[in-house]
Amino acid sequence: MSFKNKTVIITGASSGIGEETAKAFLSSGAKVILVSRSKEKMEASFKSYDKSQCVIYPFDLSQLDKIDSFVRTIIKNEGPIDVLFNNAGIGSESLFEDIDLRVFHEVMQVDYFSVVYITKSILRHMIDNGGGQIATNTSVAGLITSKKRTVYSSAKFALHGFLDSLRLEVEKHNVHITIIAPGKVITNFGKNKLDSKGNPFGKNSLMPFGLSSKKAAKIILKAIKSKKRQVIVSKWSDIAWFGVFVRKFFPSLYFFLAKRIDA
């Protein structure tokens, strides 16, 4: 697939993986529709790009009841959509015994239900236009578990089940589903991660040895271009690869180790 003259929607486009992936799509000749809560951040990040190729749509995806009309507005204004990259999300880190259950609702609303809603809103459009591609950032936390991730992994495992099932239904319509599962990537994601009371951590806990967002974007574009079913986005030295391998082939060893590691 060539991205030249294709139209791509990217959520969570104001920073990190979303921002760098949007820039990579723009460099490939695509028209990119940027979606994020922060208009100011998007304007600052993309001020040097042609406004006809890079269109900003501020929106809060937690407003589930407004997603369908929002998508219809984009299609009306911008024309057919070829690729949707569901990238927006929030994290959470805390012991389940300490957590306020409202955090479950907040994370599931953005990380899971907003993806379901926006995918539902755009799917019929893609089918009517003869096909398209839906890529979703799910995280390695949707493949393996670790301590203090009961909320986050719940949302990400749910996404994997939803997307794998959806793929079986829509392939006949030439709609392709790609799961993007990042491991350690250097972003500011950790600053907005929620603690047990639903408050942002305000700082990154990730050490600076992860994959850069720019390199992550290259892997993501390659996966979307080749219509891969799933790709893990991380350095080969990332423990994510080891964890996925051990969980699949040596589950007892995986759980033995996982109890002793704070990932």
Protein backbone atom coordinates (compact mmCIF):
# COMPACT_ATOMS: atom_id res chain seq x y z
CA MET A 1 0.00 0.00 0.00
CA SER A 2 1.20 3.48 -0.88
CA PHE A 3 0.07 6.21 1.49
CA LYS A 4 0.27 8.94 -1.15
CA ASN A 5 -3.09 10.73 -1.38
CA LYS A 6 -4.58 8.48 1.31
CA THR A 7 -6.52 10.01 4.18
CA VAL A 8 -5.60 8.89 7.69
CA ILE A 9 -7.24 9.66 11.05
CA ILE A 10 -4.93 9.50 14.07
CA THR A 11 -6.25 9.86 17.61
CA GLY A 12 -3.96 10.92 20.43
CA ALA A 13 -2.00 12.89 17.84
CA SER A 14 -0.67 15.72 20.03
CA SER A 15 2.41 13.92 21.37
CA GLY A 16 4.44 10.73 21.57
CA ILE A 17 3.66 7.84 19.23
CA GLY A 18 0.63 9.61 17.76
CA GLU A 19 2.56 12.75 16.86
CA GLU A 20 5.51 10.90 15.32
CA THR A 21 3.28 8.49 13.40
CA ALA A 22 1.31 11.42 12.01
CA LYS A 23 4.52 13.07 10.84
CA ALA A 24 5.65 9.81 9.24
CA PHE A 25 2.35 9.53 7.37
CA LEU A 26 2.68 13.15 6.20
CA SER A 27 6.19 12.45 4.93
CA SER A 28 4.73 9.52 2.98
CA GLY A 29 2.29 11.78 1.15
CA ALA A 30 -0.85 11.09 3.17
CA LYS A 31 -3.42 13.60 4.29
CA VAL A 32 -3.61 13.30 8.08
CA ILE A 33 -6.52 14.21 10.32
CA LEU A 34 -5.20 14.90 13.80
CA VAL A 35 -7.46 14.18 16.76
CA SER A 36 -6.62 15.05 20.36
CA ARG A 37 -8.03 17.01 23.28
CA SER A 38 -5.32 19.66 23.01
CA LYS A 39 -5.69 21.94 19.99
CA GLU A 40 -2.75 24.02 21.19
CA LYS A 41 -0.35 21.08 21.34
CA MET A 42 -1.34 19.90 17.87
CA GLU A 43 -0.96 23.38 16.42
CA ALA A 44 2.50 23.73 17.98
CA SER A 45 3.67 20.28 16.85
CA PHE A 46 2.45 20.61 13.25
CA LYS A 47 2.84 24.32 12.55
CA SER A 48 5.41 23.71 9.79
CA TYR A 49 3.14 21.39 7.79
CA ASP A 50 0.80 22.27 4.93
CA LYS A 51 -2.62 22.90 6.47
CA SER A 52 -4.34 21.24 3.52
CA GLN A 53 -2.51 17.98 4.28
CA CYS A 54 -2.64 18.21 8.06
CA VAL A 55 -6.06 19.00 9.54
CA ILE A 56 -6.68 19.50 13.26
CA TYR A 57 -9.87 18.29 14.98
CA PRO A 58 -9.84 18.81 18.76
CA PHE A 59 -12.03 16.24 20.50
CA ASP A 60 -12.30 14.43 23.84
CA LEU A 61 -12.84 10.74 23.11
CA SER A 62 -14.28 10.13 26.57
CA GLN A 63 -17.47 11.77 25.23
CA LEU A 64 -18.69 8.47 23.84
CA ASP A 65 -22.16 9.72 22.89
CA LYS A 66 -20.63 12.37 20.61
CA ILE A 67 -18.17 10.16 18.72
CA ASP A 68 -20.54 9.13 15.94
CA SER A 69 -21.50 12.69 15.02
CA PHE A 70 -17.84 13.71 15.28
CA VAL A 71 -16.80 11.00 12.78
CA ARG A 72 -19.63 11.94 10.43
CA THR A 73 -18.46 15.57 10.52
CA ILE A 74 -14.91 14.54 9.61
CA ILE A 75 -16.11 12.41 6.68
CA LYS A 76 -18.39 15.19 5.44
CA ASN A 77 -15.57 17.74 5.58
CA GLU A 78 -12.57 15.64 4.52
CA GLY A 79 -13.96 12.90 2.29
CA PRO A 80 -13.28 9.13 2.33
CA ILE A 81 -11.12 7.74 5.12
CA ASP A 82 -8.57 5.07 4.19
CA VAL A 83 -6.85 4.42 7.53
CA LEU A 84 -7.91 4.86 11.15
CA PHE A 85 -5.15 4.68 13.76
CA ASN A 86 -6.67 4.39 17.24
CA ASN A 87 -3.80 5.65 19.35
CA ALA A 88 -5.35 7.69 22.18
CA GLY A 89 -5.24 6.17 25.64
CA ILE A 90 -4.42 6.63 29.31
CA GLY A 91 -2.50 4.36 31.65
CA SER A 92 -2.94 3.24 35.23
CA GLU A 93 -0.60 1.78 37.81
CA SER A 94 -1.67 0.64 41.28
CA LEU A 95 -2.45 -2.42 43.34
CA PHE A 96 -6.02 -3.64 42.85
CA GLU A 97 -6.63 -3.70 46.61
CA ASP A 98 -5.92 0.05 46.78
CA ILE A 99 -7.71 1.24 43.66
CA ASP A 100 -10.83 3.36 43.47
CA LEU A 101 -13.11 1.52 41.04
CA ARG A 102 -13.89 4.79 39.29
CA VAL A 103 -10.40 4.49 37.76
CA PHE A 104 -11.54 1.28 36.04
CA HIS A 105 -14.43 3.16 34.45
CA GLU A 106 -12.25 6.10 33.36
CA VAL A 107 -9.56 3.94 31.75
CA MET A 108 -12.02 1.54 30.11
CA GLN A 109 -13.99 4.48 28.70
CA VAL A 110 -10.97 5.90 26.86
CA ASP A 111 -8.78 2.86 26.22
CA TYR A 112 -11.51 0.40 25.25
CA PHE A 113 -14.93 1.90 24.66
CA SER A 114 -13.75 4.93 22.68
CA VAL A 115 -11.99 2.53 20.28
CA VAL A 116 -15.14 0.43 19.94
CA TYR A 117 -17.30 3.52 19.33
CA ILE A 118 -15.05 5.20 16.76
CA THR A 119 -14.44 1.88 14.98
CA LYS A 120 -18.18 1.27 14.83
CA SER A 121 -18.74 4.79 13.45
CA ILE A 122 -16.20 4.44 10.66
CA LEU A 123 -16.63 0.78 9.74
CA ARG A 124 -19.76 1.16 7.60
CA HIS A 125 -18.10 4.06 5.78
CA MET A 126 -15.09 1.87 4.94
CA ILE A 127 -17.25 -1.06 3.84
CA ASP A 128 -19.32 1.20 1.58
CA ASN A 129 -16.10 2.58 0.05
CA GLY A 130 -14.72 -0.85 -0.74
CA GLY A 131 -12.32 -1.26 2.17
CA GLY A 132 -9.87 0.38 4.53
CA GLN A 133 -7.59 -0.30 7.45
CA ILE A 134 -8.06 0.04 11.19
CA ALA A 135 -4.89 0.00 13.28
CA THR A 136 -5.00 0.20 17.06
CA ASN A 137 -2.34 0.85 19.68
CA THR A 138 -3.00 -1.81 22.30
CA SER A 139 0.29 -2.21 24.21
CA VAL A 140 2.18 -5.36 25.18
CA ALA A 141 0.04 -5.12 28.34
CA GLY A 142 -2.69 -6.66 26.18
CA LEU A 143 -0.52 -9.75 25.63
CA ILE A 144 1.11 -10.28 29.03
CA THR A 145 0.33 -9.16 32.55
CA SER A 146 2.37 -7.71 35.39
CA LYS A 147 1.71 -6.39 38.87
CA LYS A 148 -0.17 -3.09 39.29
CA ARG A 149 -1.73 -3.39 35.82
CA THR A 150 -5.18 -4.81 36.64
CA VAL A 151 -6.89 -1.76 35.14
CA TYR A 152 -4.63 -1.16 32.16
CA SER A 153 -4.28 -4.81 31.14
CA SER A 154 -8.05 -5.30 31.45
CA ALA A 155 -8.62 -2.62 28.82
CA LYS A 156 -5.84 -3.84 26.56
CA PHE A 157 -6.76 -7.53 26.73
CA ALA A 158 -10.34 -6.50 25.91
CA LEU A 159 -9.06 -4.65 22.84
CA HIS A 160 -7.18 -7.72 21.63
CA GLY A 161 -10.29 -9.86 21.91
CA PHE A 162 -12.43 -7.24 20.18
CA LEU A 163 -9.99 -6.66 17.32
CA ASP A 164 -9.14 -10.32 16.69
CA SER A 165 -12.84 -11.13 16.51
CA LEU A 166 -13.59 -8.10 14.33
CA ARG A 167 -10.84 -9.11 11.89
CA LEU A 168 -12.65 -12.40 11.22
CA GLU A 169 -15.85 -10.52 10.40
CA VAL A 170 -14.59 -7.70 8.18
CA GLU A 171 -11.81 -9.25 6.12
CA LYS A 172 -14.45 -10.21 3.52
CA HIS A 173 -15.15 -6.47 3.12
CA ASN A 174 -11.46 -5.69 2.42
CA VAL A 175 -11.16 -3.99 5.82
CA HIS A 176 -7.87 -4.91 7.49
CA ILE A 177 -7.21 -4.93 11.22
CA THR A 178 -3.71 -4.26 12.57
CA ILE A 179 -2.83 -4.53 16.25
CA ILE A 180 0.06 -2.32 17.36
CA ALA A 181 1.54 -3.56 20.66
CA PRO A 182 4.28 -1.24 21.96
CA GLY A 183 6.66 -2.26 24.71
CA LYS A 184 8.91 0.37 26.24
CA VAL A 185 8.74 3.52 24.09
CA ILE A 186 10.10 6.88 25.27
CA THR A 187 7.09 9.22 25.57
CA ASN A 188 5.38 11.32 28.24
CA PHE A 189 2.71 8.64 28.63
CA GLY A 190 3.74 7.97 32.23
CA LYS A 191 3.03 11.55 33.31
CA ASN A 192 -0.67 11.12 32.64
CA LYS A 193 -0.86 7.58 34.02
CA LEU A 194 -3.44 7.38 36.82
CA ASP A 195 -2.69 6.30 40.38
CA SER A 196 -5.09 4.42 42.66
CA LYS A 197 -7.20 7.54 43.23
CA GLY A 198 -7.34 8.57 39.58
CA ASN A 199 -4.72 11.31 39.85
CA PRO A 200 -1.97 11.66 37.19
CA PHE A 201 1.48 10.52 38.30
CA GLY A 202 2.96 13.74 36.89
CA LYS A 203 6.25 12.07 36.04
CA ASN A 204 7.57 9.28 33.85
CA SER A 205 8.59 6.08 35.59
CA LEU A 206 10.13 4.69 32.40
CA MET A 207 13.91 4.67 32.17
CA PRO A 208 15.29 6.30 28.97
CA PHE A 209 16.35 3.03 27.34
CA GLY A 210 13.13 2.44 25.45
CA LEU A 211 12.54 2.81 21.74
CA SER A 212 12.22 6.39 20.50
CA SER A 213 8.79 7.52 19.28
CA LYS A 214 10.27 8.25 15.86
CA LYS A 215 11.59 4.70 15.48
CA ALA A 216 8.30 3.34 16.80
CA ALA A 217 6.46 5.32 14.10
CA LYS A 218 8.59 3.72 11.37
CA ILE A 219 7.71 0.24 12.62
CA ILE A 220 4.02 1.18 12.81
CA LEU A 221 3.93 2.54 9.26
CA LYS A 222 5.66 -0.56 7.94
CA ALA A 223 3.12 -2.78 9.74
CA ILE A 224 0.16 -0.82 8.38
CA LYS A 225 1.63 -0.72 4.88
CA SER A 226 2.04 -4.51 4.84
CA LYS A 227 -1.36 -5.04 6.55
CA LYS A 228 0.17 -7.09 9.35
CA ARG A 229 -2.21 -8.62 11.85
CA GLN A 230 -0.05 -7.69 14.83
CA VAL A 231 3.33 -6.14 15.54
CA ILE A 232 5.28 -5.69 18.77
CA VAL A 233 6.93 -2.27 18.81
CA SER A 234 10.05 -2.29 20.97
CA LYS A 235 13.78 -2.81 21.01
CA TRP A 236 14.90 -6.41 20.71
CA SER A 237 16.54 -5.97 24.12
CA ASP A 238 13.19 -4.98 25.66
CA ILE A 239 11.90 -7.42 28.29
CA ALA A 240 8.56 -7.29 26.44
CA TRP A 241 9.85 -9.74 23.81
CA PHE A 242 11.13 -12.10 26.50
CA GLY A 243 7.86 -11.83 28.40
CA VAL A 244 5.68 -12.62 25.39
CA PHE A 245 7.86 -15.61 24.44
CA VAL A 246 8.02 -17.06 27.94
CA ARG A 247 4.29 -16.50 28.59
CA LYS A 248 3.43 -18.44 25.42
CA PHE A 249 5.78 -21.40 25.75
CA PHE A 250 6.65 -21.53 29.47
CA PRO A 251 3.65 -20.09 31.36
CA SER A 252 4.67 -21.45 34.77
CA LEU A 253 8.08 -19.81 34.47
CA TYR A 254 6.45 -16.59 33.31
CA PHE A 255 4.22 -16.32 36.38
CA PHE A 256 7.10 -17.30 38.66
CA LEU A 257 9.13 -14.41 37.29
CA ALA A 258 6.25 -11.93 36.99
CA LYS A 259 5.54 -12.17 40.74
CA ARG A 260 9.11 -11.02 41.40
CA ILE A 261 9.30 -8.16 38.89
CA ASP A 262 7.86 -4.65 39.00
CA ALA A 263 7.71 -3.93 35.25
